[in-house]
PDB file of N, CA and C in Angstrom:
ATOM      1  N   MET A   1    -101.343 105.639-105.220  1.00  0.00           N
ATOM      2  CA  MET A   1    -101.780 107.012-105.284  1.00  0.00           C
ATOM      3  C   MET A   1    -101.230 107.813-104.106  1.00  0.00           C
ATOM      4  N   LYS A   2    -101.278 107.212-102.904  1.00  0.00           N
ATOM      5  CA  LYS A   2    -100.763 107.897-101.736  1.00  0.00           C
ATOM      6  C   LYS A   2     -99.269 108.165-101.876  1.00  0.00           C
ATOM      7  N   LYS A   3     -98.567 107.209-102.474  1.00  0.00           N
ATOM      8  CA  LYS A   3     -97.129 107.349-102.649  1.00  0.00           C
ATOM      9  C   LYS A   3     -96.821 108.517-103.579  1.00  0.00           C
ATOM     10  N   THR A   4     -97.567 108.689-104.646  1.00  0.00           N
ATOM     11  CA  THR A   4     -97.353 109.789-105.587  1.00  0.00           C
ATOM     12  C   THR A   4     -97.634 111.123-104.914  1.00  0.00           C
ATOM     13  N   GLY A   5     -98.671 111.192-104.115  1.00  0.00           N
ATOM     14  CA  GLY A   5     -98.991 112.421-103.395  1.00  0.00           C
ATOM     15  C   GLY A   5     -97.906 112.784-102.393  1.00  0.00           C
ATOM     16  N   LEU A   6     -97.360 111.780-101.725  1.00  0.00           N
ATOM     17  CA  LEU A   6     -96.290 112.009-100.761  1.00  0.00           C
ATOM     18  C   LEU A   6     -95.022 112.507-101.468  1.00  0.00           C
ATOM     19  N   ILE A   7     -94.718 111.927-102.600  1.00  0.00           N
ATOM     20  CA  ILE A   7     -93.548 112.362-103.380  1.00  0.00           C
ATOM     21  C   ILE A   7     -93.763 113.789-103.874  1.00  0.00           C
ATOM     22  N   LEU A   8     -94.950 114.079-104.359  1.00  0.00           N
ATOM     23  CA  LEU A   8     -95.255 115.425-104.843  1.00  0.00           C
ATOM     24  C   LEU A   8     -95.174 116.450-103.713  1.00  0.00           C
ATOM     25  N   LEU A   9     -95.710 116.113-102.552  1.00  0.00           N
ATOM     26  CA  LEU A   9     -95.639 117.003-101.396  1.00  0.00           C
ATOM     27  C   LEU A   9     -94.186 117.224-100.964  1.00  0.00           C
ATOM     28  N   SER A  10     -93.398 116.174-100.958  1.00  0.00           N
ATOM     29  CA  SER A  10     -91.976 116.292-100.607  1.00  0.00           C
ATOM     30  C   SER A  10     -91.252 117.186-101.595  1.00  0.00           C
ATOM     31  N   LEU A  11     -91.553 117.030-102.859  1.00  0.00           N
ATOM     32  CA  LEU A  11     -90.926 117.845-103.899  1.00  0.00           C
ATOM     33  C   LEU A  11     -91.302 119.312-103.728  1.00  0.00           C
ATOM     34  N   VAL A  12     -92.557 119.597-103.442  1.00  0.00           N
ATOM     35  CA  VAL A  12     -93.006 120.973-103.223  1.00  0.00           C
ATOM     36  C   VAL A  12     -92.301 121.569-102.011  1.00  0.00           C
ATOM     37  N   LEU A  13     -92.168 120.799-100.934  1.00  0.00           N
ATOM     38  CA  LEU A  13     -91.484 121.289 -99.739  1.00  0.00           C
ATOM     39  C   LEU A  13     -90.009 121.580-100.011  1.00  0.00           C
ATOM     40  N   VAL A  14     -89.337 120.716-100.740  1.00  0.00           N
ATOM     41  CA  VAL A  14     -87.920 120.930-101.067  1.00  0.00           C
ATOM     42  C   VAL A  14     -87.757 122.184-101.924  1.00  0.00           C
ATOM     43  N   VAL A  15     -88.606 122.357-102.918  1.00  0.00           N
ATOM     44  CA  VAL A  15     -88.542 123.551-103.761  1.00  0.00           C
ATOM     45  C   VAL A  15     -88.821 124.803-102.943  1.00  0.00           C
ATOM     46  N   ALA A  16     -89.782 124.751-102.046  1.00  0.00           N
ATOM     47  CA  ALA A  16     -90.095 125.905-101.202  1.00  0.00           C
ATOM     48  C   ALA A  16     -88.916 126.265-100.309  1.00  0.00           C
ATOM     49  N   ILE A  17     -88.260 125.276 -99.757  1.00  0.00           N
ATOM     50  CA  ILE A  17     -87.089 125.536 -98.915  1.00  0.00           C
ATOM     51  C   ILE A  17     -85.967 126.148 -99.739  1.00  0.00           C
ATOM     52  N   LEU A  18     -85.736 125.610-100.926  1.00  0.00           N
ATOM     53  CA  LEU A  18     -84.665 126.139-101.776  1.00  0.00           C
ATOM     54  C   LEU A  18     -84.948 127.565-102.228  1.00  0.00           C
ATOM     55  N   ILE A  19     -86.182 127.874-102.476  1.00  0.00           N
ATOM     56  CA  ILE A  19     -86.536 129.224-102.923  1.00  0.00           C
ATOM     57  C   ILE A  19     -86.360 130.231-101.791  1.00  0.00           C
ATOM     58  N   THR A  20     -86.682 129.833-100.566  1.00  0.00           N
ATOM     59  CA  THR A  20     -86.655 130.789 -99.462  1.00  0.00           C
ATOM     60  C   THR A  20     -85.284 130.951 -98.823  1.00  0.00           C
ATOM     61  N   THR A  21     -84.352 130.081 -99.135  1.00  0.00           N
ATOM     62  CA  THR A  21     -83.020 130.226 -98.534  1.00  0.00           C
ATOM     63  C   THR A  21     -82.275 131.373 -99.189  1.00  0.00           C
ATOM     64  N   SER A  22     -81.322 131.917 -98.436  1.00  0.00           N
ATOM     65  CA  SER A  22     -80.515 133.013 -98.973  1.00  0.00           C
ATOM     66  C   SER A  22     -79.468 132.452 -99.927  1.00  0.00           C
ATOM     67  N   THR A  23     -78.590 133.336-100.363  1.00  0.00           N
ATOM     68  CA  THR A  23     -77.547 132.942-101.306  1.00  0.00           C
ATOM     69  C   THR A  23     -76.766 131.757-100.757  1.00  0.00           C
ATOM     70  N   SER A  24     -76.573 130.789-101.578  1.00  0.00           N
ATOM     71  CA  SER A  24     -75.876 129.594-101.125  1.00  0.00           C
ATOM     72  C   SER A  24     -74.389 129.870-100.960  1.00  0.00           C
ATOM     73  N   TYR A  25     -73.727 129.012-100.206  1.00  0.00           N
ATOM     74  CA  TYR A  25     -72.296 129.155 -99.968  1.00  0.00           C
ATOM     75  C   TYR A  25     -71.530 129.095-101.286  1.00  0.00           C
ATOM     76  N   ALA A  26     -71.918 128.170-102.165  1.00  0.00           N
ATOM     77  CA  ALA A  26     -71.202 128.021-103.437  1.00  0.00           C
ATOM     78  C   ALA A  26     -71.324 129.282-104.288  1.00  0.00           C
ATOM     79  N   GLN A  27     -72.511 129.866-104.345  1.00  0.00           N
ATOM     80  CA  GLN A  27     -72.691 131.081-105.137  1.00  0.00           C
ATOM     81  C   GLN A  27     -71.903 132.232-104.522  1.00  0.00           C
ATOM     82  N   ASN A  28     -71.917 132.352-103.197  1.00  0.00           N
ATOM     83  CA  ASN A  28     -71.181 133.397-102.509  1.00  0.00           C
ATOM     84  C   ASN A  28     -69.680 133.229-102.734  1.00  0.00           C
ATOM     85  N   ALA A  29     -69.182 132.006-102.656  1.00  0.00           N
ATOM     86  CA  ALA A  29     -67.766 131.736-102.893  1.00  0.00           C
ATOM     87  C   ALA A  29     -67.399 132.049-104.339  1.00  0.00           C
ATOM     88  N   PHE A  30     -68.293 131.734-105.271  1.00  0.00           N
ATOM     89  CA  PHE A  30     -68.035 132.038-106.680  1.00  0.00           C
ATOM     90  C   PHE A  30     -67.925 133.544-106.898  1.00  0.00           C
ATOM     91  N   GLU A  31     -68.845 134.301-106.292  1.00  0.00           N
ATOM     92  CA  GLU A  31     -68.809 135.762-106.440  1.00  0.00           C
ATOM     93  C   GLU A  31     -67.538 136.346-105.829  1.00  0.00           C
ATOM     94  N   LYS A  32     -67.133 135.837-104.667  1.00  0.00           N
ATOM     95  CA  LYS A  32     -65.908 136.327-104.038  1.00  0.00           C
ATOM     96  C   LYS A  32     -64.676 135.971-104.862  1.00  0.00           C
ATOM     97  N   SER A  33     -64.662 134.773-105.437  1.00  0.00           N
ATOM     98  CA  SER A  33     -63.505 134.383-106.242  1.00  0.00           C
ATOM     99  C   SER A  33     -63.428 135.209-107.524  1.00  0.00           C
ATOM    100  N   MET A  34     -64.580 135.554-108.105  1.00  0.00           N
ATOM    101  CA  MET A  34     -64.560 136.396-109.302  1.00  0.00           C
ATOM    102  C   MET A  34     -64.100 137.819-108.964  1.00  0.00           C
ATOM    103  N   ARG A  35     -64.478 138.312-107.800  1.00  0.00           N
ATOM    104  CA  ARG A  35     -63.988 139.632-107.351  1.00  0.00           C
ATOM    105  C   ARG A  35     -62.477 139.582-107.159  1.00  0.00           C
ATOM    106  N   LYS A  36     -61.994 138.487-106.584  1.00  0.00           N
ATOM    107  CA  LYS A  36     -60.552 138.329-106.376  1.00  0.00           C
ATOM    108  C   LYS A  36     -59.827 138.280-107.717  1.00  0.00           C
ATOM    109  N   LEU A  37     -60.379 137.580-108.693  1.00  0.00           N
ATOM    110  CA  LEU A  37     -59.770 137.532-110.025  1.00  0.00           C
ATOM    111  C   LEU A  37     -59.747 138.920-110.644  1.00  0.00           C
ATOM    112  N   GLY A  38     -60.852 139.642-110.569  1.00  0.00           N
ATOM    113  CA  GLY A  38     -60.902 140.998-111.119  1.00  0.00           C
ATOM    114  C   GLY A  38     -59.921 141.921-110.427  1.00  0.00           C
ATOM    115  N   ARG A  39     -59.848 141.828-109.107  1.00  0.00           N
ATOM    116  CA  ARG A  39     -58.900 142.637-108.336  1.00  0.00           C
ATOM    117  C   ARG A  39     -57.473 142.313-108.749  1.00  0.00           C
ATOM    118  N   GLY A  40     -57.191 141.036-108.968  1.00  0.00           N
ATOM    119  CA  GLY A  40     -55.855 140.621-109.371  1.00  0.00           C
ATOM    120  C   GLY A  40     -55.466 141.176-110.726  1.00  0.00           C
ATOM    121  N   ILE A  41     -56.387 141.114-111.671  1.00  0.00           N
ATOM    122  CA  ILE A  41     -56.108 141.631-113.017  1.00  0.00           C
ATOM    123  C   ILE A  41     -55.910 143.138-112.978  1.00  0.00           C
ATOM    124  N   VAL A  42     -56.790 143.841-112.261  1.00  0.00           N
ATOM    125  CA  VAL A  42     -56.681 145.303-112.166  1.00  0.00           C
ATOM    126  C   VAL A  42     -55.374 145.707-111.498  1.00  0.00           C
ATOM    127  N   ASN A  43     -55.031 145.075-110.370  1.00  0.00           N
ATOM    128  CA  ASN A  43     -53.816 145.454-109.666  1.00  0.00           C
ATOM    129  C   ASN A  43     -52.554 145.072-110.439  1.00  0.00           C
ATOM    130  N   THR A  44     -52.602 144.001-111.207  1.00  0.00           N
ATOM    131  CA  THR A  44     -51.452 143.627-112.031  1.00  0.00           C
ATOM    132  C   THR A  44     -51.213 144.667-113.117  1.00  0.00           C
ATOM    133  N   THR A  45     -52.283 145.146-113.721  1.00  0.00           N
ATOM    134  CA  THR A  45     -52.122 146.094-114.836  1.00  0.00           C
ATOM    135  C   THR A  45     -51.976 147.541-114.393  1.00  0.00           C
ATOM    136  N   THR A  46     -52.396 147.874-113.184  1.00  0.00           N
ATOM    137  CA  THR A  46     -52.326 149.280-112.747  1.00  0.00           C
ATOM    138  C   THR A  46     -51.339 149.512-111.616  1.00  0.00           C
ATOM    139  N   GLY A  47     -50.500 148.536-111.316  1.00  0.00           N
ATOM    140  CA  GLY A  47     -49.528 148.693-110.245  1.00  0.00           C
ATOM    141  C   GLY A  47     -48.590 149.867-110.474  1.00  0.00           C
ATOM    142  N   TRP A  48     -48.251 150.135-111.722  1.00  0.00           N
ATOM    143  CA  TRP A  48     -47.349 151.246-112.056  1.00  0.00           C
ATOM    144  C   TRP A  48     -47.931 152.599-111.666  1.00  0.00           C
ATOM    145  N   MET A  49     -49.253 152.671-111.499  1.00  0.00           N
ATOM    146  CA  MET A  49     -49.884 153.947-111.165  1.00  0.00           C
ATOM    147  C   MET A  49     -49.600 154.386-109.725  1.00  0.00           C
ATOM    148  N   GLU A  50     -48.959 153.524-108.949  1.00  0.00           N
ATOM    149  CA  GLU A  50     -48.545 153.917-107.599  1.00  0.00           C
ATOM    150  C   GLU A  50     -47.494 155.031-107.656  1.00  0.00           C
ATOM    151  N   VAL A  51     -46.693 155.079-108.728  1.00  0.00           N
ATOM    152  CA  VAL A  51     -45.638 156.102-108.818  1.00  0.00           C
ATOM    153  C   VAL A  51     -46.244 157.509-108.837  1.00  0.00           C
ATOM    154  N   PRO A  52     -47.124 157.848-109.798  1.00  0.00           N
ATOM    155  CA  PRO A  52     -47.692 159.197-109.756  1.00  0.00           C
ATOM    156  C   PRO A  52     -48.553 159.435-108.512  1.00  0.00           C
ATOM    157  N   LYS A  53     -49.215 158.393-108.022  1.00  0.00           N
ATOM    158  CA  LYS A  53     -50.032 158.549-106.816  1.00  0.00           C
ATOM    159  C   LYS A  53     -49.163 158.951-105.629  1.00  0.00           C
ATOM    160  N   GLN A  54     -48.062 158.242-105.415  1.00  0.00           N
ATOM    161  CA  GLN A  54     -47.207 158.535-104.266  1.00  0.00           C
ATOM    162  C   GLN A  54     -46.488 159.873-104.419  1.00  0.00           C
ATOM    163  N   ILE A  55     -46.142 160.260-105.643  1.00  0.00           N
ATOM    164  CA  ILE A  55     -45.563 161.591-105.869  1.00  0.00           C
ATOM    165  C   ILE A  55     -46.567 162.650-105.440  1.00  0.00           C
ATOM    166  N   TYR A  56     -47.818 162.485-105.842  1.00  0.00           N
ATOM    167  CA  TYR A  56     -48.865 163.437-105.473  1.00  0.00           C
ATOM    168  C   TYR A  56     -49.088 163.462-103.964  1.00  0.00           C
ATOM    169  N   VAL A  57     -49.210 162.281-103.355  1.00  0.00           N
ATOM    170  CA  VAL A  57     -49.482 162.201-101.913  1.00  0.00           C
ATOM    171  C   VAL A  57     -48.357 162.855-101.116  1.00  0.00           C
ATOM    172  N   GLU A  58     -47.127 162.535-101.437  1.00  0.00           N
ATOM    173  CA  GLU A  58     -46.002 163.100-100.686  1.00  0.00           C
ATOM    174  C   GLU A  58     -45.838 164.596-100.967  1.00  0.00           C
ATOM    175  N   SER A  59     -46.138 165.032-102.184  1.00  0.00           N
ATOM    176  CA  SER A  59     -46.048 166.457-102.506  1.00  0.00           C
ATOM    177  C   SER A  59     -47.082 167.267-101.747  1.00  0.00           C
ATOM    178  N   THR A  60     -48.280 166.740-101.604  1.00  0.00           N
ATOM    179  CA  THR A  60     -49.318 167.475-100.884  1.00  0.00           C
ATOM    180  C   THR A  60     -49.125 167.398 -99.375  1.00  0.00           C
ATOM    181  N   ASP A  61     -48.599 166.266 -98.895  1.00  0.00           N
ATOM    182  CA  ASP A  61     -48.368 166.137 -97.450  1.00  0.00           C
ATOM    183  C   ASP A  61     -47.154 166.936 -96.986  1.00  0.00           C
ATOM    184  N   LYS A  62     -46.093 166.918 -97.757  1.00  0.00           N
ATOM    185  CA  LYS A  62     -44.846 167.576 -97.343  1.00  0.00           C
ATOM    186  C   LYS A  62     -44.564 168.771 -98.267  1.00  0.00           C
ATOM    187  N   ASN A  63     -43.811 168.502 -99.348  1.00  0.00           N
ATOM    188  CA  ASN A  63     -43.535 169.528-100.357  1.00  0.00           C
ATOM    189  C   ASN A  63     -43.134 168.840-101.659  1.00  0.00           C
ATOM    190  N   ILE A  64     -42.944 169.629-102.711  1.00  0.00           N
ATOM    191  CA  ILE A  64     -42.698 169.069-104.034  1.00  0.00           C
ATOM    192  C   ILE A  64     -41.365 168.327-104.106  1.00  0.00           C
ATOM    193  N   ALA A  65     -40.354 168.806-103.387  1.00  0.00           N
ATOM    194  CA  ALA A  65     -39.047 168.130-103.413  1.00  0.00           C
ATOM    195  C   ALA A  65     -39.150 166.724-102.817  1.00  0.00           C
ATOM    196  N   VAL A  66     -39.854 166.612-101.694  1.00  0.00           N
ATOM    197  CA  VAL A  66     -40.062 165.305-101.069  1.00  0.00           C
ATOM    198  C   VAL A  66     -40.900 164.428-101.994  1.00  0.00           C
ATOM    199  N   GLY A  67     -41.900 165.016-102.630  1.00  0.00           N
ATOM    200  CA  GLY A  67     -42.744 164.260-103.545  1.00  0.00           C
ATOM    201  C   GLY A  67     -41.972 163.687-104.709  1.00  0.00           C
ATOM    202  N   LEU A  68     -41.071 164.487-105.278  1.00  0.00           N
ATOM    203  CA  LEU A  68     -40.316 164.029-106.445  1.00  0.00           C
ATOM    204  C   LEU A  68     -39.229 163.016-106.089  1.00  0.00           C
ATOM    205  N   THR A  69     -38.708 163.062-104.885  1.00  0.00           N
ATOM    206  CA  THR A  69     -37.653 162.121-104.512  1.00  0.00           C
ATOM    207  C   THR A  69     -38.226 160.919-103.766  1.00  0.00           C
ATOM    208  N   TYR A  70     -38.652 161.174-102.537  1.00  0.00           N
ATOM    209  CA  TYR A  70     -39.178 160.093-101.706  1.00  0.00           C
ATOM    210  C   TYR A  70     -40.457 159.502-102.306  1.00  0.00           C
ATOM    211  N   GLY A  71     -41.326 160.346-102.847  1.00  0.00           N
ATOM    212  CA  GLY A  71     -42.576 159.870-103.446  1.00  0.00           C
ATOM    213  C   GLY A  71     -42.327 158.942-104.625  1.00  0.00           C
ATOM    214  N   THR A  72     -41.315 159.269-105.431  1.00  0.00           N
ATOM    215  CA  THR A  72     -40.986 158.406-106.569  1.00  0.00           C
ATOM    216  C   THR A  72     -40.487 157.054-106.084  1.00  0.00           C
ATOM    217  N   ALA A  73     -39.572 157.064-105.121  1.00  0.00           N
ATOM    218  CA  ALA A  73     -39.045 155.802-104.589  1.00  0.00           C
ATOM    219  C   ALA A  73     -40.147 154.973-103.933  1.00  0.00           C
ATOM    220  N   LYS A  74     -40.982 155.627-103.152  1.00  0.00           N
ATOM    221  CA  LYS A  74     -42.090 154.931-102.492  1.00  0.00           C
ATOM    222  C   LYS A  74     -43.063 154.373-103.530  1.00  0.00           C
ATOM    223  N   GLY A  75     -43.316 155.151-104.588  1.00  0.00           N
ATOM    224  CA  GLY A  75     -44.213 154.705-105.635  1.00  0.00           C
ATOM    225  C   GLY A  75     -43.699 153.490-106.382  1.00  0.00           C
ATOM    226  N   VAL A  76     -42.388 153.469-106.656  1.00  0.00           N
ATOM    227  CA  VAL A  76     -41.808 152.300-107.332  1.00  0.00           C
ATOM    228  C   VAL A  76     -41.953 151.068-106.442  1.00  0.00           C
ATOM    229  N   GLY A  77     -41.638 151.230-105.158  1.00  0.00           N
ATOM    230  CA  GLY A  77     -41.773 150.099-104.233  1.00  0.00           C
ATOM    231  C   GLY A  77     -43.206 149.623-104.104  1.00  0.00           C
ATOM    232  N   MET A  78     -44.124 150.554-103.914  1.00  0.00           N
ATOM    233  CA  MET A  78     -45.540 150.189-103.789  1.00  0.00           C
ATOM    234  C   MET A  78     -46.089 149.615-105.095  1.00  0.00           C
ATOM    235  N   GLY A  79     -45.571 150.125-106.219  1.00  0.00           N
ATOM    236  CA  GLY A  79     -45.995 149.583-107.511  1.00  0.00           C
ATOM    237  C   GLY A  79     -45.604 148.126-107.660  1.00  0.00           C
ATOM    238  N   LEU A  80     -44.388 147.790-107.234  1.00  0.00           N
ATOM    239  CA  LEU A  80     -43.950 146.391-107.289  1.00  0.00           C
ATOM    240  C   LEU A  80     -44.788 145.526-106.351  1.00  0.00           C
ATOM    241  N   VAL A  81     -45.075 146.046-105.172  1.00  0.00           N
ATOM    242  CA  VAL A  81     -45.891 145.295-104.203  1.00  0.00           C
ATOM    243  C   VAL A  81     -47.301 145.090-104.751  1.00  0.00           C
ATOM    244  N   ARG A  82     -47.911 146.143-105.307  1.00  0.00           N
ATOM    245  CA  ARG A  82     -49.280 146.039-105.830  1.00  0.00           C
ATOM    246  C   ARG A  82     -49.338 145.090-107.020  1.00  0.00           C
ATOM    247  N   THR A  83     -48.332 145.171-107.901  1.00  0.00           N
ATOM    248  CA  THR A  83     -48.297 144.267-109.057  1.00  0.00           C
ATOM    249  C   THR A  83     -48.126 142.822-108.590  1.00  0.00           C
ATOM    250  N   GLY A  84     -47.248 142.600-107.615  1.00  0.00           N
ATOM    251  CA  GLY A  84     -47.073 141.250-107.069  1.00  0.00           C
ATOM    252  C   GLY A  84     -48.335 140.719-106.410  1.00  0.00           C
ATOM    253  N   ALA A  85     -49.012 141.577-105.653  1.00  0.00           N
ATOM    254  CA  ALA A  85     -50.272 141.166-105.022  1.00  0.00           C
ATOM    255  C   ALA A  85     -51.317 140.837-106.084  1.00  0.00           C
ATOM    256  N   GLY A  86     -51.313 141.607-107.178  1.00  0.00           N
ATOM    257  CA  GLY A  86     -52.238 141.323-108.270  1.00  0.00           C
ATOM    258  C   GLY A  86     -51.970 139.983-108.922  1.00  0.00           C
ATOM    259  N   ILE A  87     -50.698 139.670-109.105  1.00  0.00           N
ATOM    260  CA  ILE A  87     -50.338 138.369-109.690  1.00  0.00           C
ATOM    261  C   ILE A  87     -50.756 137.243-108.757  1.00  0.00           C
ATOM    262  N   ILE A  88     -50.513 137.412-107.469  1.00  0.00           N
ATOM    263  CA  ILE A  88     -50.909 136.386-106.491  1.00  0.00           C
ATOM    264  C   ILE A  88     -52.422 136.206-106.489  1.00  0.00           C
ATOM    265  N   ASP A  89     -53.178 137.301-106.488  1.00  0.00           N
ATOM    266  CA  ASP A  89     -54.644 137.204-106.529  1.00  0.00           C
ATOM    267  C   ASP A  89     -55.124 136.520-107.802  1.00  0.00           C
ATOM    268  N   THR A  90     -54.494 136.837-108.921  1.00  0.00           N
ATOM    269  CA  THR A  90     -54.911 136.246-110.195  1.00  0.00           C
ATOM    270  C   THR A  90     -54.651 134.746-110.214  1.00  0.00           C
ATOM    271  N   VAL A  91     -53.509 134.332-109.707  1.00  0.00           N
ATOM    272  CA  VAL A  91     -53.156 132.911-109.732  1.00  0.00           C
ATOM    273  C   VAL A  91     -53.967 132.112-108.708  1.00  0.00           C
ATOM    274  N   THR A  92     -54.239 132.697-107.546  1.00  0.00           N
ATOM    275  CA  THR A  92     -54.902 131.947-106.461  1.00  0.00           C
ATOM    276  C   THR A  92     -56.393 132.240-106.342  1.00  0.00           C
ATOM    277  N   PHE A  93     -57.003 132.847-107.354  1.00  0.00           N
ATOM    278  CA  PHE A  93     -58.414 133.237-107.213  1.00  0.00           C
ATOM    279  C   PHE A  93     -59.365 132.085-106.928  1.00  0.00           C
ATOM    280  N   PRO A  94     -59.117 130.844-107.363  1.00  0.00           N
ATOM    281  CA  PRO A  94     -60.087 129.790-107.042  1.00  0.00           C
ATOM    282  C   PRO A  94     -60.038 129.314-105.589  1.00  0.00           C
ATOM    283  N   PHE A  95     -58.992 129.689-104.861  1.00  0.00           N
ATOM    284  CA  PHE A  95     -58.803 129.158-103.508  1.00  0.00           C
ATOM    285  C   PHE A  95     -59.209 130.181-102.459  1.00  0.00           C
ATOM    286  N   PRO A  96     -59.948 129.762-101.431  1.00  0.00           N
ATOM    287  CA  PRO A  96     -60.436 130.703-100.415  1.00  0.00           C
ATOM    288  C   PRO A  96     -59.376 131.073 -99.372  1.00  0.00           C
ATOM    289  N   ILE A  97     -58.218 131.514 -99.833  1.00  0.00           N
ATOM    290  CA  ILE A  97     -57.158 131.925 -98.925  1.00  0.00           C
ATOM    291  C   ILE A  97     -57.613 133.198 -98.224  1.00  0.00           C
ATOM    292  N   ASN A  98     -57.647 133.154 -96.898  1.00  0.00           N
ATOM    293  CA  ASN A  98     -58.067 134.311 -96.093  1.00  0.00           C
ATOM    294  C   ASN A  98     -59.458 134.806 -96.502  1.00  0.00           C
ATOM    295  N   ASP A  99     -60.325 133.876 -96.876  1.00  0.00           N
ATOM    296  CA  ASP A  99     -61.700 134.169 -97.297  1.00  0.00           C
ATOM    297  C   ASP A  99     -61.762 135.205 -98.424  1.00  0.00           C
ATOM    298  N   TYR A 100     -60.855 135.074 -99.383  1.00  0.00           N
ATOM    299  CA  TYR A 100     -60.802 135.930-100.582  1.00  0.00           C
ATOM    300  C   TYR A 100     -60.557 137.405-100.262  1.00  0.00           C
ATOM    301  N   SER A 101     -60.014 137.708 -99.098  1.00  0.00           N
ATOM    302  CA  SER A 101     -59.774 139.103 -98.713  1.00  0.00           C
ATOM    303  C   SER A 101     -58.610 139.691 -99.511  1.00  0.00           C
ATOM    304  N   PRO A 102     -58.618 141.025 -99.703  1.00  0.00           N
ATOM    305  CA  PRO A 102     -57.509 141.646-100.441  1.00  0.00           C
ATOM    306  C   PRO A 102     -56.207 141.580 -99.641  1.00  0.00           C
ATOM    307  N   LEU A 103     -55.097 141.478-100.352  1.00  0.00           N
ATOM    308  CA  LEU A 103     -53.786 141.447 -99.706  1.00  0.00           C
ATOM    309  C   LEU A 103     -53.339 142.840 -99.290  1.00  0.00           C
ATOM    310  N   LEU A 104     -53.822 143.866 -99.991  1.00  0.00           N
ATOM    311  CA  LEU A 104     -53.428 145.250 -99.722  1.00  0.00           C
ATOM    312  C   LEU A 104     -54.634 146.098 -99.386  1.00  0.00           C
ATOM    313  N   GLU A 105     -54.387 147.119 -98.600  1.00  0.00           N
ATOM    314  CA  GLU A 105     -55.389 148.156 -98.352  1.00  0.00           C
ATOM    315  C   GLU A 105     -54.779 149.480 -98.778  1.00  0.00           C
ATOM    316  N   PRO A 106     -55.393 150.267 -99.565  1.00  0.00           N
ATOM    317  CA  PRO A 106     -56.708 150.067-100.167  1.00  0.00           C
ATOM    318  C   PRO A 106     -56.670 148.966-101.225  1.00  0.00           C
ATOM    319  N   GLU A 107     -57.822 148.445-101.544  1.00  0.00           N
ATOM    320  CA  GLU A 107     -57.943 147.311-102.440  1.00  0.00           C
ATOM    321  C   GLU A 107     -57.440 147.638-103.846  1.00  0.00           C
ATOM    322  N   PHE A 108     -57.707 148.846-104.323  1.00  0.00           N
ATOM    323  CA  PHE A 108     -57.273 149.280-105.645  1.00  0.00           C
ATOM    324  C   PHE A 108     -56.419 150.531-105.508  1.00  0.00           C
ATOM    325  N   VAL A 109     -55.654 150.860-106.534  1.00  0.00           N
ATOM    326  CA  VAL A 109     -54.633 151.899-106.430  1.00  0.00           C
ATOM    327  C   VAL A 109     -55.178 153.277-106.090  1.00  0.00           C
ATOM    328  N   PHE A 110     -56.301 153.683-106.627  1.00  0.00           N
ATOM    329  CA  PHE A 110     -56.773 155.039-106.397  1.00  0.00           C
ATOM    330  C   PHE A 110     -57.942 155.122-105.416  1.00  0.00           C
ATOM    331  N   GLU A 111     -58.100 154.118-104.562  1.00  0.00           N
ATOM    332  CA  GLU A 111     -59.079 154.213-103.481  1.00  0.00           C
ATOM    333  C   GLU A 111     -58.434 154.909-102.312  1.00  0.00           C
ATOM    334  N   LYS A 112     -59.247 155.603-101.537  1.00  0.00           N
ATOM    335  CA  LYS A 112     -58.751 156.241-100.313  1.00  0.00           C
ATOM    336  C   LYS A 112     -58.746 155.235 -99.194  1.00  0.00           C
ATOM    337  N   LYS A 113     -57.828 155.403 -98.267  1.00  0.00           N
ATOM    338  CA  LYS A 113     -57.741 154.488 -97.119  1.00  0.00           C
ATOM    339  C   LYS A 113     -58.873 154.696 -96.167  1.00  0.00           C
TER     340      LYS A 113
END
């Protein structure tokens, strides 16, 4: 009888500890890896949107001629970089490389820095 009570008390203590602990490392890693996968898919499919973004940014910062020339070239380059980063994130999402941090800032194409 004493043995059953001791086992029951131990079980209650273990459950109480598990309930009161914060998010476990495994759950946190899973959430970060899913964010990395989502970021990878989004950046892979929206990398081309860097072209109109950079045209707009350069046009507002300088003038329309700079936006249409330099902005287009910059957008094509950034689009390739963002698409490549998206592919890398998508392929490596299960691995905690750099603690699942984004490869680019801003994390998504239309976020502000």
